[in-house]
Amino acid sequence: FGIQSVLVWCNAEQRIYEGLTNCTYQVAMRMDCFWPNQIVDRFFMQIHQTYFQDCALTGRLLHDPAISVLAPFIAVPVLVTLVMTALVV
């Protein structure tokens, strides 16, 4: 693949992934099979190994929230605990 091909495959907006998923679902239903199944899982693994092996993980990994978001979730329970302790004692 050239760099342009990799960029197209790695760009979620330009992929036909949803259509491919729907297609495997329709085939499984017409064959009276469960979906997803082991064959579909292997198929998608092969697709990922073939076409998405060069895609960066950037943007798909979970990240810690910003400190401005995280700090209140830590500070408020700590302060409530301290206030409740002070009121009881």
C-alpha atoms as a PDB file:
ATOM      1  CA  PHE A   1       0.000   0.000   0.000  1.00  0.00           C
ATOM      2  CA  GLY A   2       1.044   3.576  -0.574  1.00  0.00           C
ATOM      3  CA  ILE A   3       0.803   6.205   2.131  1.00  0.00           C
ATOM      4  CA  GLN A   4      -2.439   7.537   0.616  1.00  0.00           C
ATOM      5  CA  SER A   5      -4.059   4.080   0.790  1.00  0.00           C
ATOM      6  CA  VAL A   6      -3.061   3.692   4.437  1.00  0.00           C
ATOM      7  CA  LEU A   7      -4.535   7.095   5.279  1.00  0.00           C
ATOM      8  CA  VAL A   8      -7.844   6.191   3.629  1.00  0.00           C
ATOM      9  CA  TRP A   9      -8.064   2.817   5.423  1.00  0.00           C
ATOM     10  CA  CYS A  10      -7.141   4.396   8.756  1.00  0.00           C
ATOM     11  CA  ASN A  11      -9.659   7.234   8.433  1.00  0.00           C
ATOM     12  CA  ALA A  12     -12.850   6.050  10.132  1.00  0.00           C
ATOM     13  CA  GLU A  13     -15.055   8.402   8.109  1.00  0.00           C
ATOM     14  CA  GLN A  14     -13.847   6.967   4.783  1.00  0.00           C
ATOM     15  CA  ARG A  15     -14.200   3.268   5.622  1.00  0.00           C
ATOM     16  CA  ILE A  16     -17.057   1.021   4.638  1.00  0.00           C
ATOM     17  CA  TYR A  17     -16.818  -0.764   7.972  1.00  0.00           C
ATOM     18  CA  GLU A  18     -20.469  -0.337   8.910  1.00  0.00           C
ATOM     19  CA  GLY A  19     -21.558  -1.728   5.541  1.00  0.00           C
ATOM     20  CA  LEU A  20     -19.240  -4.706   5.934  1.00  0.00           C
ATOM     21  CA  THR A  21     -20.619  -5.398   9.404  1.00  0.00           C
ATOM     22  CA  ASN A  22     -24.176  -5.207   8.091  1.00  0.00           C
ATOM     23  CA  CYS A  23     -23.279  -7.519   5.201  1.00  0.00           C
ATOM     24  CA  THR A  24     -21.881 -10.206   7.514  1.00  0.00           C
ATOM     25  CA  TYR A  25     -25.003  -9.877   9.655  1.00  0.00           C
ATOM     26  CA  GLN A  26     -27.319 -10.294   6.653  1.00  0.00           C
ATOM     27  CA  VAL A  27     -25.390 -13.337   5.364  1.00  0.00           C
ATOM     28  CA  ALA A  28     -25.475 -14.956   8.811  1.00  0.00           C
ATOM     29  CA  MET A  29     -29.226 -14.364   9.118  1.00  0.00           C
ATOM     30  CA  ARG A  30     -29.926 -15.823   5.665  1.00  0.00           C
ATOM     31  CA  MET A  31     -27.862 -18.888   6.528  1.00  0.00           C
ATOM     32  CA  ASP A  32     -29.802 -19.180   9.798  1.00  0.00           C
ATOM     33  CA  CYS A  33     -26.628 -18.718  11.852  1.00  0.00           C
ATOM     34  CA  PHE A  34     -25.946 -16.780  14.999  1.00  0.00           C
ATOM     35  CA  TRP A  35     -24.262 -13.428  14.592  1.00  0.00           C
ATOM     36  CA  PRO A  36     -21.586 -12.678  15.577  1.00  0.00           C
ATOM     37  CA  ASN A  37     -20.024 -16.089  15.419  1.00  0.00           C
ATOM     38  CA  GLN A  38     -16.557 -17.584  15.290  1.00  0.00           C
ATOM     39  CA  ILE A  39     -16.349 -17.401  11.496  1.00  0.00           C
ATOM     40  CA  VAL A  40     -17.291 -13.715  11.484  1.00  0.00           C
ATOM     41  CA  ASP A  41     -14.773 -13.019  14.261  1.00  0.00           C
ATOM     42  CA  ARG A  42     -11.995 -14.712  12.282  1.00  0.00           C
ATOM     43  CA  PHE A  43     -13.038 -12.814   9.149  1.00  0.00           C
ATOM     44  CA  PHE A  44     -12.825  -9.451  10.938  1.00  0.00           C
ATOM     45  CA  MET A  45      -9.486 -10.391  12.515  1.00  0.00           C
ATOM     46  CA  GLN A  46      -8.129 -11.197   9.052  1.00  0.00           C
ATOM     47  CA  ILE A  47      -9.486  -7.908   7.681  1.00  0.00           C
ATOM     48  CA  HIS A  48      -7.810  -5.989  10.511  1.00  0.00           C
ATOM     49  CA  GLN A  49      -4.495  -7.803  10.078  1.00  0.00           C
ATOM     50  CA  THR A  50      -4.540  -7.183   6.332  1.00  0.00           C
ATOM     51  CA  TYR A  51      -5.807  -3.627   6.029  1.00  0.00           C
ATOM     52  CA  PHE A  52      -5.370  -1.918   9.396  1.00  0.00           C
ATOM     53  CA  GLN A  53      -1.967  -3.166  10.567  1.00  0.00           C
ATOM     54  CA  ASP A  54      -0.290   0.156   9.700  1.00  0.00           C
ATOM     55  CA  CYS A  55      -2.900   2.355  11.364  1.00  0.00           C
ATOM     56  CA  ALA A  56      -1.718   4.332  14.360  1.00  0.00           C
ATOM     57  CA  LEU A  57      -3.444   3.763  17.675  1.00  0.00           C
ATOM     58  CA  THR A  58      -3.701   7.524  18.225  1.00  0.00           C
ATOM     59  CA  GLY A  59      -7.255   8.618  18.836  1.00  0.00           C
ATOM     60  CA  ARG A  60      -8.494   5.124  19.636  1.00  0.00           C
ATOM     61  CA  LEU A  61      -6.798   4.646  22.983  1.00  0.00           C
ATOM     62  CA  LEU A  62      -8.437   5.674  26.218  1.00  0.00           C
ATOM     63  CA  HIS A  63      -6.819   8.677  27.828  1.00  0.00           C
ATOM     64  CA  ASP A  64      -6.989  10.081  31.334  1.00  0.00           C
ATOM     65  CA  PRO A  65      -9.252  13.117  31.539  1.00  0.00           C
ATOM     66  CA  ALA A  66      -7.757  16.576  31.853  1.00  0.00           C
ATOM     67  CA  ILE A  67      -6.774  17.644  35.355  1.00  0.00           C
ATOM     68  CA  SER A  68      -9.506  20.311  35.270  1.00  0.00           C
ATOM     69  CA  VAL A  69     -12.072  17.511  34.937  1.00  0.00           C
ATOM     70  CA  LEU A  70     -10.370  15.020  37.223  1.00  0.00           C
ATOM     71  CA  ALA A  71      -9.615  17.374  40.138  1.00  0.00           C
ATOM     72  CA  PRO A  72     -13.249  18.055  41.141  1.00  0.00           C
ATOM     73  CA  PHE A  73     -14.041  14.337  41.114  1.00  0.00           C
ATOM     74  CA  ILE A  74     -11.213  13.813  43.592  1.00  0.00           C
ATOM     75  CA  ALA A  75     -11.508  16.998  45.663  1.00  0.00           C
ATOM     76  CA  VAL A  76     -15.267  16.970  46.324  1.00  0.00           C
ATOM     77  CA  PRO A  77     -15.421  13.499  47.954  1.00  0.00           C
ATOM     78  CA  VAL A  78     -12.310  14.268  50.001  1.00  0.00           C
ATOM     79  CA  LEU A  79     -13.789  17.552  51.231  1.00  0.00           C
ATOM     80  CA  VAL A  80     -17.166  15.949  51.985  1.00  0.00           C
ATOM     81  CA  THR A  81     -15.399  13.234  53.982  1.00  0.00           C
ATOM     82  CA  LEU A  82     -13.414  15.819  55.951  1.00  0.00           C
ATOM     83  CA  VAL A  83     -16.514  17.936  56.655  1.00  0.00           C
ATOM     84  CA  MET A  84     -18.553  14.910  57.768  1.00  0.00           C
ATOM     85  CA  THR A  85     -15.699  13.767  60.004  1.00  0.00           C
ATOM     86  CA  ALA A  86     -15.427  17.249  61.540  1.00  0.00           C
ATOM     87  CA  LEU A  87     -19.188  17.363  62.185  1.00  0.00           C
ATOM     88  CA  VAL A  88     -19.215  13.957  63.873  1.00  0.00           C
ATOM     89  CA  VAL A  89     -16.166  14.562  66.051  1.00  0.00           C
END
